[in-house]
Each structure stands twice: as structure tokens, then as C-alpha cells.
Amino acid sequence: MPHIDLMEGEEASLTHDDGTTYSISSELLIDAPPEKVWAVLTDFDKLSEWSPGMIKFEGEFRKDGPAKVTFLIGVGSHTQIFNHPLIHFDEGKMFGWSAPIPHMGMKDNHKYIVEPTDDGKTKFIQTDQFHGQGAHLIGGMLANGALSGYVAFNRALKKRVEEM
């Protein structure tokens, strides 16, 4: 797992389940109700104003809806576009996709999850799995990089929501 200095209330993990699967999870608490977090997370017209990773979402935001998602990769302005059907979707609670990763012999299973806490705050969770024939070669490197990016995304979402 990459070295990440975690903030209070923040968690991040990377596991290697077997020879072909890497799983990552990152979560933190946001001092706002889930409805507000969901509204900011899914305001795709403003995503590029605050997100260091996912900067554009186009498509149909519904179960099995086709989605074209643009990510900022690495340092600078290199972008990568993925076409994913939204196979995970529960309005106000969760969305995500599973699709092949181009030229890597792997698929991902990425979820964004918004959960209420007993004290009116939100636990925001981001998970992903990288699996397939290419995982034994580059899955660990990809998972390490993704985990760092997910933690950065979560923190940016928290900042955006709490400053509103």
C-alpha cells in the first residue's frame, strides 16, 4: 500500500485477494447530511471545479445507463476517457461501474457510496477491484496509484461540501 498520511476519521486499505484481484477501499467522514454530499458528488457540471481525478461525467445517470467518464491522470493535464455502463445505482446512496480497462487485460469494479451516520454526518466510501489476467503484472501498481487518487478525491469532496 502506498504511504498515505491519513486524517482523523479517514481509512484506506489495499488487499491482494489472490493472484488476479486487488481490492482498494477509502473512506472518510463528511460533516454534512448525505443529501448534500450526494448533490455535490452528482453535480457533474461542476465536477471539474473541485475534483482532482474524475473531471467529467456524460451520459444517463441511472441503473445500466451508458456513461462516458473523463479522468485526469497523473500530474498535468493528461486525461483518459472510459465508457462504462452504470451497473451499480441506488439513487442518493451509490453509483458505480465495472468495465474493461483498455490495453491492460483487467476489469475494474468501482463504487461511490454515501452512507448516513447516526449523528447526521456522512460516511463517504470509494471502493474498487482490479481483476483479470493482467492483474498479476500491473494490478498492484494500478491499485496503489488509484488508492492515492481516491483519497485525494474524497478529501476534495469533503472540502467542497463542508465549505458550502
Protein backbone atom coordinates (compact mmCIF):
# COMPACT_ATOMS: atom_id res chain seq x y z
CA MET A 1 0.00 0.00 0.00
CA PRO A 2 1.31 3.48 -0.78
CA HIS A 3 2.24 5.67 2.17
CA ILE A 4 -0.70 7.98 2.76
CA ASP A 5 -0.90 10.26 5.79
CA LEU A 6 -4.49 9.72 6.84
CA MET A 7 -6.56 12.38 8.58
CA GLU A 8 -8.68 11.70 11.65
CA GLY A 9 -11.76 9.69 10.65
CA GLU A 10 -10.19 8.58 7.37
CA GLU A 11 -9.41 5.00 6.33
CA ALA A 12 -7.66 3.48 3.32
CA SER A 13 -6.75 -0.11 2.52
CA LEU A 14 -5.38 -2.24 -0.29
CA THR A 15 -5.64 -6.02 -0.30
CA HIS A 16 -4.40 -8.62 -2.73
CA ASP A 17 -7.06 -11.32 -2.57
CA ASP A 18 -5.43 -13.87 -4.86
CA GLY A 19 -3.27 -13.89 -7.96
CA THR A 20 -5.74 -11.90 -10.04
CA THR A 21 -7.59 -9.46 -7.75
CA TYR A 22 -6.56 -6.26 -5.98
CA SER A 23 -9.18 -4.51 -3.82
CA ILE A 24 -8.98 -0.95 -2.54
CA SER A 25 -11.20 0.99 -0.18
CA SER A 26 -11.07 4.57 1.06
CA GLU A 27 -13.49 6.36 3.33
CA LEU A 28 -13.90 9.47 5.42
CA LEU A 29 -16.49 11.37 7.41
CA ILE A 30 -18.05 14.49 5.96
CA ASP A 31 -19.71 16.99 8.29
CA ALA A 32 -22.91 17.27 6.24
CA PRO A 33 -26.05 15.20 5.63
CA PRO A 34 -25.96 12.54 2.89
CA GLU A 35 -28.35 14.53 0.67
CA LYS A 36 -25.88 17.40 0.47
CA VAL A 37 -22.93 15.09 -0.22
CA TRP A 38 -24.90 13.31 -2.95
CA ALA A 39 -25.91 16.64 -4.51
CA VAL A 40 -22.29 17.83 -4.75
CA LEU A 41 -20.98 14.43 -5.87
CA THR A 42 -23.52 14.20 -8.68
CA ASP A 43 -23.44 17.83 -9.84
CA PHE A 44 -21.41 16.77 -12.86
CA ASP A 45 -21.42 20.25 -14.43
CA LYS A 46 -19.25 21.47 -11.55
CA LEU A 47 -17.09 18.37 -11.06
CA SER A 48 -14.02 19.86 -12.73
CA GLU A 49 -14.13 22.83 -10.32
CA TRP A 50 -13.10 20.70 -7.35
CA SER A 51 -12.23 17.11 -8.33
CA PRO A 52 -8.57 16.17 -8.82
CA GLY A 53 -9.50 12.91 -10.59
CA MET A 54 -12.91 12.42 -12.18
CA ILE A 55 -13.47 15.67 -14.05
CA LYS A 56 -16.37 14.93 -16.38
CA PHE A 57 -19.40 12.65 -16.50
CA GLU A 58 -21.61 12.43 -19.55
CA GLY A 59 -24.42 10.01 -20.16
CA GLU A 60 -27.50 8.69 -18.45
CA PHE A 61 -27.25 8.77 -14.67
CA ARG A 62 -29.43 5.74 -13.92
CA LYS A 63 -29.16 1.97 -13.45
CA ASP A 64 -27.46 0.46 -16.53
CA GLY A 65 -27.21 3.93 -18.08
CA PRO A 66 -24.32 4.44 -20.50
CA ALA A 67 -21.69 6.76 -19.08
CA LYS A 68 -18.62 8.43 -20.53
CA VAL A 69 -16.30 9.39 -17.68
CA THR A 70 -13.17 11.53 -18.06
CA PHE A 71 -10.37 11.25 -15.52
CA LEU A 72 -7.32 13.43 -15.03
CA ILE A 73 -4.36 11.03 -14.91
CA GLY A 74 -1.10 11.78 -13.11
CA VAL A 75 0.50 15.19 -12.94
CA GLY A 76 -0.51 17.72 -15.54
CA SER A 77 -3.40 17.65 -17.92
CA HIS A 78 -3.38 14.12 -19.37
CA THR A 79 -6.93 12.78 -19.48
CA GLN A 80 -8.34 9.35 -20.09
CA ILE A 81 -11.92 8.61 -21.11
CA PHE A 82 -13.74 5.45 -20.08
CA ASN A 83 -17.11 4.27 -21.35
CA HIS A 84 -18.89 2.45 -18.54
CA PRO A 85 -22.45 1.29 -18.01
CA LEU A 86 -23.63 2.22 -14.50
CA ILE A 87 -24.25 -1.29 -13.22
CA HIS A 88 -24.36 -0.07 -9.60
CA PHE A 89 -27.01 2.54 -8.92
CA ASP A 90 -29.16 3.37 -5.91
CA GLU A 91 -30.36 7.00 -6.09
CA GLY A 92 -28.98 9.07 -3.24
CA LYS A 93 -26.80 6.24 -1.97
CA MET A 94 -24.44 4.69 -4.51
CA PHE A 95 -23.30 4.51 -8.11
CA GLY A 96 -20.52 2.75 -9.94
CA TRP A 97 -19.39 0.68 -12.86
CA SER A 98 -17.44 -2.38 -13.92
CA ALA A 99 -15.78 -2.33 -17.28
CA PRO A 100 -12.59 -3.45 -19.03
CA ILE A 101 -9.55 -1.25 -18.56
CA PRO A 102 -8.19 -0.63 -22.07
CA HIS A 103 -4.99 -2.48 -23.01
CA MET A 104 -4.42 -3.94 -19.52
CA GLY A 105 -6.24 -7.28 -19.51
CA MET A 106 -8.26 -6.27 -16.45
CA LYS A 107 -11.66 -5.04 -15.37
CA ASP A 108 -12.49 -2.73 -12.51
CA ASN A 109 -15.48 -2.61 -10.17
CA HIS A 110 -15.64 0.98 -8.90
CA LYS A 111 -18.26 2.28 -6.44
CA TYR A 112 -19.01 5.66 -4.84
CA ILE A 113 -21.07 5.15 -1.67
CA VAL A 114 -22.84 7.73 0.53
CA GLU A 115 -23.94 6.46 3.96
CA PRO A 116 -25.69 8.36 6.77
CA THR A 117 -24.22 8.28 10.26
CA ASP A 118 -26.21 8.39 13.50
CA ASP A 119 -25.10 11.97 14.17
CA GLY A 120 -26.33 13.43 10.86
CA LYS A 121 -22.99 13.30 9.08
CA THR A 122 -22.00 11.21 6.07
CA LYS A 123 -19.56 8.38 5.63
CA PHE A 124 -18.27 8.59 2.06
CA ILE A 125 -16.76 5.37 0.75
CA GLN A 126 -14.99 4.67 -2.51
CA THR A 127 -14.11 1.09 -3.43
CA ASP A 128 -12.62 -0.62 -6.44
CA GLN A 129 -11.40 -4.02 -7.51
CA PHE A 130 -8.96 -4.69 -10.30
CA HIS A 131 -9.15 -8.25 -11.58
CA GLY A 132 -8.24 -10.28 -14.61
CA GLN A 133 -5.26 -11.77 -16.37
CA GLY A 134 -3.26 -8.54 -16.31
CA ALA A 135 -3.60 -8.08 -12.54
CA HIS A 136 -0.58 -10.22 -11.67
CA LEU A 137 1.60 -7.97 -13.85
CA ILE A 138 0.35 -4.43 -13.16
CA GLY A 139 -2.65 -4.74 -10.83
CA GLY A 140 -0.65 -3.78 -7.74
CA MET A 141 0.83 -0.70 -9.37
CA LEU A 142 -2.58 0.36 -10.69
CA ALA A 143 -4.27 -0.23 -7.32
CA ASN A 144 -1.58 1.76 -5.46
CA GLY A 145 -1.98 4.72 -7.79
CA ALA A 146 -5.77 4.53 -7.72
CA LEU A 147 -5.89 4.42 -3.92
CA SER A 148 -3.86 7.63 -3.65
CA GLY A 149 -6.16 9.25 -6.20
CA TYR A 150 -9.31 8.09 -4.39
CA VAL A 151 -8.09 9.51 -1.08
CA ALA A 152 -7.39 12.84 -2.83
CA PHE A 153 -10.86 12.78 -4.44
CA ASN A 154 -12.54 12.02 -1.11
CA ARG A 155 -10.72 14.89 0.58
CA ALA A 156 -11.64 17.30 -2.21
CA LEU A 157 -15.30 16.23 -1.97
CA LYS A 158 -15.24 16.73 1.80
CA LYS A 159 -13.73 20.21 1.41
CA ARG A 160 -16.23 21.22 -1.28
CA VAL A 161 -19.25 20.01 0.70
CA GLU A 162 -18.16 21.46 4.04
CA GLU A 163 -17.35 24.87 2.53
CA MET A 164 -20.82 25.25 1.00
